[in-house]
Amino acid sequence: MPAKKAPAPPAPAGPDLPSGLELLTGTLDVLGDAAVITGDQWQDGGVDIAFANEKFAELTGYAAATLPGRNTRLLHGPRTDLLSLKTTPCGQFSAGEGWLYRQDG
């Protein structure tokens, strides 16, 4: 039986991550899906990334440790629909899909 790969250490939380969410970020780290937590203030064409798990880092091509504190606009490209990204009222959770781009295009 092949040995299981050890989980990556948790990525550091960004400056906008509210206190008390360490349990949530720990849970997101072991998920099999990409996950990101962002701030709720739209600025400069995006929102600030507070936390991204390793699966999100693999998906986007950015190192997870480099994402907290950066704006999500770094994932925008020609097909990104900014109108659909702004429809969630501040303070509410949101999930969805959209055209975002990897670091390598």
N, C-alpha and C. Protein backbone atom coordinates (compact mmCIF):
# COMPACT_ATOMS: atom_id res chain seq x y z
N MET A 1 0.85 -1.18 0.00
CA MET A 1 0.00 0.00 0.00
C MET A 1 0.89 1.24 0.00
N PRO A 2 0.68 2.19 -0.93
CA PRO A 2 1.53 3.38 -0.99
C PRO A 2 1.33 4.27 0.23
N ALA A 3 2.40 4.92 0.64
CA ALA A 3 2.34 5.84 1.78
C ALA A 3 1.54 7.07 1.41
N LYS A 4 0.77 7.56 2.36
CA LYS A 4 -0.01 8.78 2.13
C LYS A 4 0.90 9.98 2.22
N LYS A 5 0.63 10.96 1.39
CA LYS A 5 1.39 12.20 1.39
C LYS A 5 1.00 13.00 2.63
N ALA A 6 1.98 13.51 3.35
CA ALA A 6 1.71 14.33 4.54
C ALA A 6 1.09 15.64 4.10
N PRO A 7 0.09 16.13 4.86
CA PRO A 7 -0.53 17.41 4.48
C PRO A 7 0.47 18.55 4.59
N ALA A 8 0.32 19.53 3.73
CA ALA A 8 1.18 20.71 3.76
C ALA A 8 0.88 21.51 5.02
N PRO A 9 1.88 22.21 5.55
CA PRO A 9 1.60 23.05 6.71
C PRO A 9 0.61 24.14 6.33
N PRO A 10 -0.21 24.58 7.28
CA PRO A 10 -1.20 25.60 6.96
C PRO A 10 -0.55 26.88 6.48
N ALA A 11 -1.20 27.52 5.50
CA ALA A 11 -0.72 28.81 5.01
C ALA A 11 -1.04 29.86 6.05
N PRO A 12 -0.19 30.86 6.19
CA PRO A 12 -0.48 31.90 7.17
C PRO A 12 -1.71 32.70 6.76
N ALA A 13 -2.47 33.11 7.74
CA ALA A 13 -3.64 33.94 7.47
C ALA A 13 -3.20 35.36 7.23
N GLY A 14 -3.91 36.04 6.38
CA GLY A 14 -3.58 37.42 6.06
C GLY A 14 -4.05 38.38 7.15
N PRO A 15 -3.71 39.63 6.99
CA PRO A 15 -4.04 40.62 8.02
C PRO A 15 -5.53 40.88 8.16
N ASP A 16 -6.35 40.55 7.17
CA ASP A 16 -7.78 40.83 7.23
C ASP A 16 -8.60 39.68 7.78
N LEU A 17 -7.95 38.58 8.17
CA LEU A 17 -8.69 37.43 8.68
C LEU A 17 -9.15 37.73 10.11
N PRO A 18 -10.46 37.75 10.33
CA PRO A 18 -10.96 38.02 11.68
C PRO A 18 -10.46 36.99 12.67
N SER A 19 -10.22 37.40 13.90
CA SER A 19 -9.75 36.47 14.92
C SER A 19 -10.82 35.41 15.15
N GLY A 20 -10.39 34.24 15.57
CA GLY A 20 -11.32 33.16 15.84
C GLY A 20 -11.58 32.26 14.65
N LEU A 21 -10.98 32.53 13.51
CA LEU A 21 -11.22 31.70 12.33
C LEU A 21 -10.11 30.67 12.09
N GLU A 22 -9.24 30.48 13.07
CA GLU A 22 -8.16 29.51 12.91
C GLU A 22 -8.70 28.10 12.65
N LEU A 23 -9.78 27.73 13.35
CA LEU A 23 -10.38 26.42 13.15
C LEU A 23 -10.88 26.27 11.72
N LEU A 24 -11.51 27.31 11.20
CA LEU A 24 -12.01 27.27 9.82
C LEU A 24 -10.85 27.12 8.84
N THR A 25 -9.80 27.90 9.02
CA THR A 25 -8.68 27.80 8.08
C THR A 25 -8.01 26.44 8.18
N GLY A 26 -7.95 25.87 9.40
CA GLY A 26 -7.40 24.53 9.55
C GLY A 26 -8.24 23.51 8.82
N THR A 27 -9.55 23.67 8.86
CA THR A 27 -10.46 22.77 8.15
C THR A 27 -10.29 22.92 6.64
N LEU A 28 -10.17 24.15 6.17
CA LEU A 28 -10.00 24.39 4.74
C LEU A 28 -8.69 23.82 4.23
N ASP A 29 -7.68 23.77 5.10
CA ASP A 29 -6.39 23.22 4.69
C ASP A 29 -6.46 21.73 4.36
N VAL A 30 -7.32 21.00 5.02
CA VAL A 30 -7.40 19.56 4.78
C VAL A 30 -8.50 19.17 3.81
N LEU A 31 -9.25 20.15 3.32
CA LEU A 31 -10.27 19.86 2.31
C LEU A 31 -9.62 19.37 1.02
N GLY A 32 -10.35 18.62 0.26
CA GLY A 32 -9.86 18.21 -1.04
C GLY A 32 -10.15 19.23 -2.13
N ASP A 33 -10.81 20.34 -1.78
CA ASP A 33 -11.20 21.35 -2.75
C ASP A 33 -10.47 22.66 -2.49
N ALA A 34 -10.35 23.45 -3.54
CA ALA A 34 -9.77 24.79 -3.41
C ALA A 34 -10.71 25.68 -2.63
N ALA A 35 -10.15 26.49 -1.72
CA ALA A 35 -10.96 27.40 -0.91
C ALA A 35 -10.16 28.66 -0.62
N VAL A 36 -10.88 29.78 -0.57
CA VAL A 36 -10.26 31.06 -0.26
C VAL A 36 -11.23 31.86 0.62
N ILE A 37 -10.68 32.62 1.56
CA ILE A 37 -11.46 33.55 2.37
C ILE A 37 -10.98 34.94 2.00
N THR A 38 -11.94 35.82 1.73
CA THR A 38 -11.59 37.19 1.34
C THR A 38 -12.23 38.19 2.30
N GLY A 39 -11.76 39.42 2.21
CA GLY A 39 -12.39 40.51 2.93
C GLY A 39 -13.71 40.83 2.25
N ASP A 40 -14.46 41.75 2.84
CA ASP A 40 -15.77 42.08 2.28
C ASP A 40 -15.82 43.49 1.69
N GLN A 41 -14.69 44.13 1.53
CA GLN A 41 -14.65 45.48 0.98
C GLN A 41 -14.10 45.47 -0.44
N TRP A 42 -14.94 45.77 -1.41
CA TRP A 42 -14.54 45.83 -2.82
C TRP A 42 -13.64 47.04 -3.00
N GLN A 43 -12.43 46.82 -3.52
CA GLN A 43 -11.52 47.93 -3.77
C GLN A 43 -10.59 47.59 -4.91
N ASP A 44 -10.34 48.54 -5.75
CA ASP A 44 -9.39 48.37 -6.86
C ASP A 44 -9.71 47.17 -7.73
N GLY A 45 -10.99 46.88 -7.95
CA GLY A 45 -11.38 45.80 -8.84
C GLY A 45 -11.38 44.43 -8.22
N GLY A 46 -11.37 44.32 -6.91
CA GLY A 46 -11.39 43.02 -6.25
C GLY A 46 -11.51 43.17 -4.76
N VAL A 47 -11.27 42.07 -4.05
CA VAL A 47 -11.28 42.07 -2.59
C VAL A 47 -9.97 41.47 -2.11
N ASP A 48 -9.56 41.84 -0.91
CA ASP A 48 -8.30 41.32 -0.38
C ASP A 48 -8.44 39.87 0.05
N ILE A 49 -7.45 39.07 -0.26
CA ILE A 49 -7.41 37.67 0.14
C ILE A 49 -6.90 37.60 1.58
N ALA A 50 -7.67 36.94 2.44
CA ALA A 50 -7.27 36.76 3.83
C ALA A 50 -6.61 35.40 4.04
N PHE A 51 -7.06 34.39 3.29
CA PHE A 51 -6.53 33.04 3.44
C PHE A 51 -6.80 32.26 2.16
N ALA A 52 -5.85 31.44 1.76
CA ALA A 52 -6.04 30.52 0.63
C ALA A 52 -5.40 29.19 1.01
N ASN A 53 -6.12 28.08 0.77
CA ASN A 53 -5.53 26.79 1.11
C ASN A 53 -4.61 26.31 -0.01
N GLU A 54 -3.91 25.21 0.25
CA GLU A 54 -2.94 24.69 -0.72
C GLU A 54 -3.59 24.27 -2.03
N LYS A 55 -4.81 23.75 -1.97
CA LYS A 55 -5.51 23.36 -3.21
C LYS A 55 -5.80 24.58 -4.07
N PHE A 56 -6.16 25.69 -3.44
CA PHE A 56 -6.36 26.94 -4.19
C PHE A 56 -5.04 27.39 -4.81
N ALA A 57 -3.96 27.25 -4.07
CA ALA A 57 -2.64 27.61 -4.58
C ALA A 57 -2.27 26.75 -5.79
N GLU A 58 -2.53 25.45 -5.70
CA GLU A 58 -2.26 24.56 -6.85
C GLU A 58 -3.08 24.97 -8.06
N LEU A 59 -4.34 25.30 -7.82
CA LEU A 59 -5.26 25.67 -8.90
C LEU A 59 -4.81 26.96 -9.59
N THR A 60 -4.35 27.93 -8.81
CA THR A 60 -4.01 29.24 -9.38
C THR A 60 -2.56 29.38 -9.79
N GLY A 61 -1.68 28.51 -9.29
CA GLY A 61 -0.27 28.61 -9.62
C GLY A 61 0.51 29.56 -8.72
N TYR A 62 -0.15 30.16 -7.74
CA TYR A 62 0.51 31.03 -6.77
C TYR A 62 0.81 30.23 -5.51
N ALA A 63 1.88 30.54 -4.82
CA ALA A 63 2.17 29.91 -3.54
C ALA A 63 1.16 30.42 -2.51
N ALA A 64 0.61 29.52 -1.70
CA ALA A 64 -0.41 29.90 -0.73
C ALA A 64 0.10 30.98 0.22
N ALA A 65 1.33 30.91 0.61
CA ALA A 65 1.88 31.89 1.55
C ALA A 65 1.98 33.29 0.95
N THR A 66 1.95 33.41 -0.37
CA THR A 66 2.05 34.73 -1.00
C THR A 66 0.70 35.39 -1.26
N LEU A 67 -0.39 34.66 -1.08
CA LEU A 67 -1.71 35.20 -1.41
C LEU A 67 -2.35 36.09 -0.35
N PRO A 68 -2.25 35.77 0.95
CA PRO A 68 -2.88 36.66 1.94
C PRO A 68 -2.35 38.09 1.82
N GLY A 69 -3.30 39.03 1.85
CA GLY A 69 -2.96 40.45 1.72
C GLY A 69 -2.99 40.96 0.30
N ARG A 70 -3.05 40.06 -0.68
CA ARG A 70 -3.13 40.49 -2.08
C ARG A 70 -4.58 40.60 -2.51
N ASN A 71 -4.82 41.38 -3.54
CA ASN A 71 -6.16 41.61 -4.05
C ASN A 71 -6.50 40.52 -5.08
N THR A 72 -7.76 40.11 -5.12
CA THR A 72 -8.17 39.06 -6.07
C THR A 72 -8.06 39.50 -7.52
N ARG A 73 -7.84 40.77 -7.77
CA ARG A 73 -7.71 41.21 -9.17
C ARG A 73 -6.51 40.54 -9.85
N LEU A 74 -5.56 40.01 -9.07
CA LEU A 74 -4.44 39.31 -9.69
C LEU A 74 -4.90 38.07 -10.43
N LEU A 75 -6.12 37.61 -10.17
CA LEU A 75 -6.68 36.45 -10.85
C LEU A 75 -7.59 36.83 -12.02
N HIS A 76 -7.76 38.11 -12.25
CA HIS A 76 -8.66 38.57 -13.32
C HIS A 76 -7.95 38.57 -14.66
N GLY A 77 -8.74 38.33 -15.69
CA GLY A 77 -8.24 38.33 -17.05
C GLY A 77 -9.33 38.83 -17.99
N PRO A 78 -9.13 38.64 -19.29
CA PRO A 78 -10.06 39.19 -20.28
C PRO A 78 -11.51 38.69 -20.16
N ARG A 79 -11.72 37.49 -19.66
CA ARG A 79 -13.08 36.95 -19.57
C ARG A 79 -13.70 37.08 -18.19
N THR A 80 -13.02 37.74 -17.26
CA THR A 80 -13.55 37.93 -15.91
C THR A 80 -14.69 38.94 -15.97
N ASP A 81 -15.85 38.56 -15.45
CA ASP A 81 -17.03 39.42 -15.44
C ASP A 81 -17.11 40.10 -14.07
N LEU A 82 -16.62 41.33 -13.99
CA LEU A 82 -16.58 42.04 -12.72
C LEU A 82 -17.97 42.35 -12.18
N LEU A 83 -18.97 42.49 -13.03
CA LEU A 83 -20.32 42.77 -12.55
C LEU A 83 -20.85 41.60 -11.72
N SER A 84 -20.63 40.38 -12.16
CA SER A 84 -21.13 39.24 -11.40
C SER A 84 -20.35 39.05 -10.11
N LEU A 85 -19.11 39.52 -10.06
CA LEU A 85 -18.31 39.38 -8.84
C LEU A 85 -18.74 40.36 -7.76
N LYS A 86 -19.43 41.42 -8.11
CA LYS A 86 -19.79 42.45 -7.13
C LYS A 86 -21.21 42.31 -6.60
N THR A 87 -21.94 41.25 -6.91
CA THR A 87 -23.36 41.18 -6.57
C THR A 87 -23.64 40.73 -5.14
N THR A 88 -22.67 40.23 -4.39
CA THR A 88 -22.92 39.77 -3.03
C THR A 88 -22.83 40.94 -2.06
N PRO A 89 -23.88 41.16 -1.27
CA PRO A 89 -23.82 42.24 -0.28
C PRO A 89 -22.71 42.00 0.73
N CYS A 90 -22.07 43.06 1.20
CA CYS A 90 -21.00 42.95 2.20
C CYS A 90 -21.53 42.27 3.45
N GLY A 91 -20.70 41.47 4.07
CA GLY A 91 -21.08 40.80 5.30
C GLY A 91 -21.81 39.50 5.10
N GLN A 92 -22.03 39.07 3.87
CA GLN A 92 -22.71 37.81 3.61
C GLN A 92 -21.74 36.84 2.96
N PHE A 93 -21.92 35.56 3.26
CA PHE A 93 -21.10 34.54 2.64
C PHE A 93 -21.51 34.36 1.19
N SER A 94 -20.56 33.97 0.37
CA SER A 94 -20.86 33.78 -1.04
C SER A 94 -20.06 32.60 -1.57
N ALA A 95 -20.63 31.90 -2.50
CA ALA A 95 -19.94 30.84 -3.22
C ALA A 95 -20.34 30.97 -4.68
N GLY A 96 -19.47 30.62 -5.56
CA GLY A 96 -19.83 30.73 -6.96
C GLY A 96 -18.69 30.36 -7.88
N GLU A 97 -18.91 30.60 -9.14
CA GLU A 97 -17.93 30.30 -10.17
C GLU A 97 -17.72 31.53 -11.03
N GLY A 98 -16.59 31.58 -11.67
CA GLY A 98 -16.31 32.68 -12.58
C GLY A 98 -15.03 32.41 -13.35
N TRP A 99 -14.74 33.28 -14.29
CA TRP A 99 -13.51 33.17 -15.07
C TRP A 99 -12.39 33.87 -14.33
N LEU A 100 -11.54 33.09 -13.72
CA LEU A 100 -10.33 33.62 -13.08
C LEU A 100 -9.14 32.93 -13.74
N TYR A 101 -7.97 33.51 -13.60
CA TYR A 101 -6.81 33.04 -14.35
C TYR A 101 -5.68 32.62 -13.43
N ARG A 102 -4.95 31.60 -13.89
CA ARG A 102 -3.75 31.13 -13.19
C ARG A 102 -2.63 32.14 -13.34
N GLN A 103 -1.62 32.00 -12.52
CA GLN A 103 -0.46 32.88 -12.58
C GLN A 103 0.20 32.83 -13.97
N ASP A 104 0.20 31.66 -14.58
CA ASP A 104 0.85 31.51 -15.89
C ASP A 104 -0.10 31.80 -17.05
N GLY A 105 -1.24 32.40 -16.76
CA GLY A 105 -2.16 32.81 -17.82
C GLY A 105 -3.27 31.85 -18.02
